[in-house]
Protein backbone atom coordinates (compact mmCIF):
# COMPACT_ATOMS: atom_id res chain seq x y z
CA MET A 1 85.47 107.06 102.08
CA ALA A 2 83.17 109.98 101.46
CA SER A 3 83.66 113.65 100.82
CA PRO A 4 84.30 115.96 103.79
CA GLY A 5 81.03 116.95 105.42
CA GLY A 6 79.08 114.66 103.10
CA ALA A 7 78.24 117.62 100.85
CA ALA A 8 78.98 115.77 97.61
CA GLU A 9 79.85 112.21 96.74
CA LEU A 10 81.73 112.84 93.52
CA PRO A 11 84.49 115.43 93.75
CA ALA A 12 87.41 115.41 91.32
CA TYR A 13 88.13 111.76 92.16
CA LEU A 14 85.87 108.74 92.58
CA GLN A 15 84.70 108.09 96.12
CA CYS A 16 84.15 104.68 97.67
CA VAL A 17 80.44 105.24 98.35
CA PRO A 18 79.01 105.48 94.79
CA TYR A 19 81.28 102.67 93.63
CA ALA A 20 80.22 100.30 96.42
CA ARG A 21 76.58 101.16 95.75
CA GLU A 22 77.01 100.38 92.05
CA ARG A 23 78.85 97.11 92.64
CA SER A 24 76.56 95.78 95.37
CA GLY A 25 73.17 97.25 94.56
CA VAL A 26 72.78 98.38 98.19
CA GLN A 27 70.97 101.70 97.90
CA ILE A 28 72.39 103.67 100.80
CA PHE A 29 73.64 107.24 100.47
CA GLY A 30 75.81 109.48 102.61
CA ASP A 31 79.21 109.07 104.21
CA ALA A 32 80.56 105.55 104.51
CA ARG A 33 80.64 105.82 108.29
CA THR A 34 76.83 106.08 108.32
CA TRP A 35 76.09 103.00 106.20
CA TRP A 36 76.04 100.44 109.01
CA ASP A 37 73.46 102.35 111.06
CA GLN A 38 71.44 103.31 107.98
CA ALA A 39 71.15 99.64 107.00
CA GLU A 40 69.38 98.73 110.25
CA GLY A 41 65.81 97.71 109.52
CA ARG A 42 66.37 98.02 105.78
CA TYR A 43 69.06 95.48 104.84
CA LYS A 44 70.28 92.31 106.46
CA ARG A 45 73.57 92.69 108.29
CA GLY A 46 76.09 90.26 109.68
CA ASN A 47 79.72 89.50 110.40
CA ARG A 48 80.34 86.86 107.70
CA PRO A 49 81.43 87.85 104.18
CA ARG A 50 79.61 86.71 101.07
CA PRO A 51 79.89 87.79 97.40
CA GLY A 52 77.97 91.00 96.79
CA ALA A 53 78.00 92.13 100.42
CA VAL A 54 79.36 95.52 101.46
CA MET A 55 82.19 95.51 103.99
CA THR A 56 81.73 98.61 106.13
CA PHE A 57 84.80 100.12 107.78
CA ARG A 58 84.57 102.21 110.93
CA PRO A 59 86.40 105.56 111.05
CA TYR A 60 89.96 105.06 112.20
CA GLY A 61 92.91 107.44 112.37
CA ALA A 62 93.00 109.73 109.37
CA MET A 63 90.10 107.81 107.79
CA THR A 64 87.51 109.90 109.56
CA LEU A 65 84.65 109.20 107.16
CA GLY A 66 84.93 105.41 107.10
CA HIS A 67 85.06 103.27 103.99
CA VAL A 68 82.86 100.80 102.11
CA ALA A 69 83.94 98.02 99.73
CA ALA A 70 82.10 95.29 97.82
CA VAL A 71 83.10 91.67 98.39
CA SER A 72 83.78 90.06 95.01
CA ARG A 73 84.90 86.64 96.21
CA VAL A 74 85.32 84.67 99.44
CA ILE A 75 88.57 82.69 99.41
CA ASP A 76 88.42 81.11 102.86
CA ASN A 77 87.29 81.98 106.40
CA ARG A 78 90.08 84.55 106.70
CA THR A 79 90.46 85.89 103.15
CA VAL A 80 88.25 87.76 100.70
CA LEU A 81 88.74 89.76 97.52
CA LEU A 82 87.33 93.29 97.39
CA ASP A 83 86.26 95.70 94.68
CA HIS A 84 86.53 99.28 95.93
CA ALA A 85 87.51 102.83 95.08
CA ASN A 86 89.61 105.58 96.63
CA TRP A 87 91.75 103.33 98.81
CA SER A 88 95.23 103.17 97.28
CA PRO A 89 96.78 106.15 95.51
CA ILE A 90 97.93 104.79 92.15
CA ASP A 91 100.47 106.72 90.07
CA GLY A 92 100.09 109.52 92.61
CA ARG A 93 96.35 109.86 92.02
CA ARG A 94 93.48 109.31 94.44
CA GLY A 95 90.06 107.96 93.59
CA GLN A 96 91.34 104.91 91.73
CA ILE A 97 89.29 101.72 91.32
CA GLU A 98 90.83 98.45 92.51
CA ARG A 99 89.23 95.11 91.72
CA GLY A 100 89.92 91.71 93.22
CA VAL A 101 92.31 92.98 95.92
CA LYS A 102 92.94 90.91 99.02
CA ALA A 103 91.63 91.63 102.50
CA ILE A 104 92.55 89.41 105.46
CA ASP A 105 90.65 89.01 108.70
CA VAL A 106 93.11 89.59 111.56
CA SER A 107 90.58 89.68 114.40
CA PRO A 108 91.42 87.31 117.29
CA ALA A 109 87.91 85.77 117.20
CA ASN A 110 87.75 85.44 113.38
CA ASP A 111 84.66 87.67 113.40
CA TRP A 112 85.91 90.09 110.70
CA SER A 113 86.02 92.99 113.13
CA GLN A 114 89.59 93.86 112.02
CA VAL A 115 91.09 93.50 108.55
CA ARG A 116 94.28 94.27 106.72
CA VAL A 117 93.84 95.32 103.09
CA TRP A 118 96.05 95.26 99.98
CA TYR A 119 97.76 98.64 99.54
CA ALA A 120 99.16 99.40 96.11
CA PRO A 121 102.11 101.64 97.15
CA LEU A 122 103.45 98.73 99.24
CA ASN A 123 102.58 96.15 96.58
CA ASP A 124 101.48 94.05 99.54
CA ILE A 125 98.92 93.75 102.32
CA GLY A 126 98.91 96.92 104.41
CA THR A 127 100.12 96.89 108.00
CA THR A 128 97.11 98.62 109.61
CA ALA A 129 94.36 96.53 111.23
CA TRP A 130 91.27 98.48 110.14
CA PRO A 131 88.12 98.19 112.31
CA VAL A 132 85.08 96.80 110.49
CA ALA A 133 81.46 97.19 111.62
CA GLY A 134 80.30 94.22 109.56
CA PHE A 135 78.73 93.29 106.23
CA ILE A 136 75.57 94.67 104.64
CA TYR A 137 73.80 92.19 102.36
CA ASN A 138 71.60 93.13 99.43
CA GLU A 139 68.50 91.62 101.06
CA PRO A 140 65.79 93.44 102.99
CA ASP A 141 65.60 92.83 106.69
CA GLY A 142 62.43 90.82 106.04
CA GLY A 143 64.23 88.16 103.97
CA ALA A 144 63.22 88.43 100.29
CA PRO A 145 65.88 89.75 97.85
CA LEU A 146 65.61 93.49 97.29
CA GLY A 147 65.39 94.60 93.67
CA GLY A 148 66.38 91.19 92.32
CA ASP A 149 69.51 89.13 92.80
CA ARG A 150 72.49 91.35 92.13
CA VAL A 151 75.76 89.73 93.08
CA LEU A 152 78.53 91.41 91.13
CA VAL A 153 77.57 90.27 87.65
CA ASN A 154 80.78 91.81 86.34
CA ALA A 155 83.03 90.40 89.06
CA THR A 156 86.64 89.95 88.02
CA TYR A 157 87.13 86.77 90.02
CA SER A 158 85.07 83.58 90.03
CA PRO A 159 85.81 79.95 90.96
CA SER A 160 85.97 79.05 87.27
CA ALA A 161 88.52 81.77 86.54
CA PRO A 162 91.10 81.77 89.36
CA ALA A 163 93.47 84.68 89.70
CA GLN A 164 96.88 84.22 88.12
CA PRO A 165 99.95 84.89 90.29
CA SER A 166 101.85 88.06 89.51
CA LYS A 167 105.27 87.93 87.85
CA ALA A 168 106.90 89.11 91.10
CA PHE A 169 105.31 86.19 92.95
CA SER A 170 106.32 83.70 90.27
CA ASP A 171 109.90 84.98 90.16
CA ALA A 172 110.19 84.88 93.97
CA PHE A 173 109.28 81.19 94.07
CA ALA A 174 110.89 80.07 90.82
CA GLY A 175 112.70 76.74 91.16
CA LEU A 176 110.95 75.56 94.31
CA GLY A 177 109.94 71.91 94.07
CA GLU A 178 112.26 71.15 91.15
CA PRO A 179 114.57 68.10 91.55
CA ARG A 180 118.10 68.82 92.68
CA THR A 181 120.74 68.17 90.02
CA ALA A 182 124.50 67.90 90.07
CA ALA A 183 126.63 70.87 89.12
CA PRO A 184 126.67 71.32 85.35
CA ARG A 185 129.71 69.98 83.54
CA PRO A 186 131.98 72.47 81.77
CA VAL A 187 130.83 73.13 78.24
CA ARG A 188 133.47 72.26 75.66
CA GLN A 189 134.15 74.83 73.05
CA ALA A 190 132.78 73.73 69.72
CA THR A 191 135.23 73.28 66.87
CA PRO A 192 134.76 75.92 64.18
CA PRO A 193 132.67 74.51 61.33
CA ALA A 194 135.44 74.89 58.73
CA ILE A 195 137.92 72.79 60.76
CA ARG A 196 135.36 70.22 61.96
CA ASP A 197 134.05 69.57 58.46
CA SER A 198 137.58 69.04 57.05
CA ARG A 199 138.29 66.06 59.30
CA PRO A 200 137.22 62.54 58.28
CA ARG A 201 134.76 61.03 60.72
CA VAL A 202 136.93 57.94 61.31
CA VAL A 203 139.82 60.10 62.49
CA ALA A 204 137.56 61.98 64.90
CA ALA A 205 136.31 58.71 66.39
CA ALA A 206 139.81 57.29 66.79
CA SER A 207 141.04 60.42 68.55
CA VAL A 208 138.89 59.71 71.61
CA LYS A 209 141.24 58.39 74.31
CA PRO A 210 140.04 55.49 76.48
CA ARG A 211 139.72 56.44 80.14
CA ASP A 212 141.33 53.20 81.40
CA PRO A 213 145.18 53.57 81.43
CA ILE A 214 145.71 49.92 80.37
CA ASP A 215 143.42 50.33 77.39
CA ALA A 216 145.29 53.49 76.57
CA ALA A 217 148.63 51.68 76.52
CA ILE A 218 147.27 48.91 74.27
CA ALA A 219 145.82 51.44 71.90
CA ARG A 220 149.12 53.29 71.72
CA TYR A 221 151.63 50.44 71.30
CA GLY A 222 149.52 47.62 69.87
CA SER A 223 150.55 43.94 70.05
């Protein structure tokens, strides 16, 4: 998202545009809604995500200026992780940076033209299907890398360091897959140490009653 009217990119809170530019290396300026058209003839564009690419959102609803986010990791053909700014209000404040948040392709054709994005106030994927123009790659339209290979050198997520599930996720699925066990037996109250220690061991062993009633009778009356 960019500032109203495009007059300034950095008001009192961090906008998505300078952050996406920093994370991706794509040197485009102006409102996020203009990035897709500005990239034509300058940067390669496409509809498949890759690490370091910029996902460009079209204006939709109250998001009149669009939005841009850097792809930090591709999980599968329907899921990516994004680094972006000024999406979720966190602790009541706008302009917050979020790293490694999930975005899911919900387009019918799996062409990434519609996505749902993690939204912090819900602590879950948001319910809106946001329209996406496509991905801008940090390569000139001619083919050679522009300004060197810059693919999120400080990315939070990488295949060698997978994300750990949150505590809420772990708690929600605790116990799944564990073997079923019988109901626990009642726990006998332990004898206080002073009383237990005063009894000879042989007496304690003899006080155990056999479970078989015939054995119990023999033990009681003898022969």
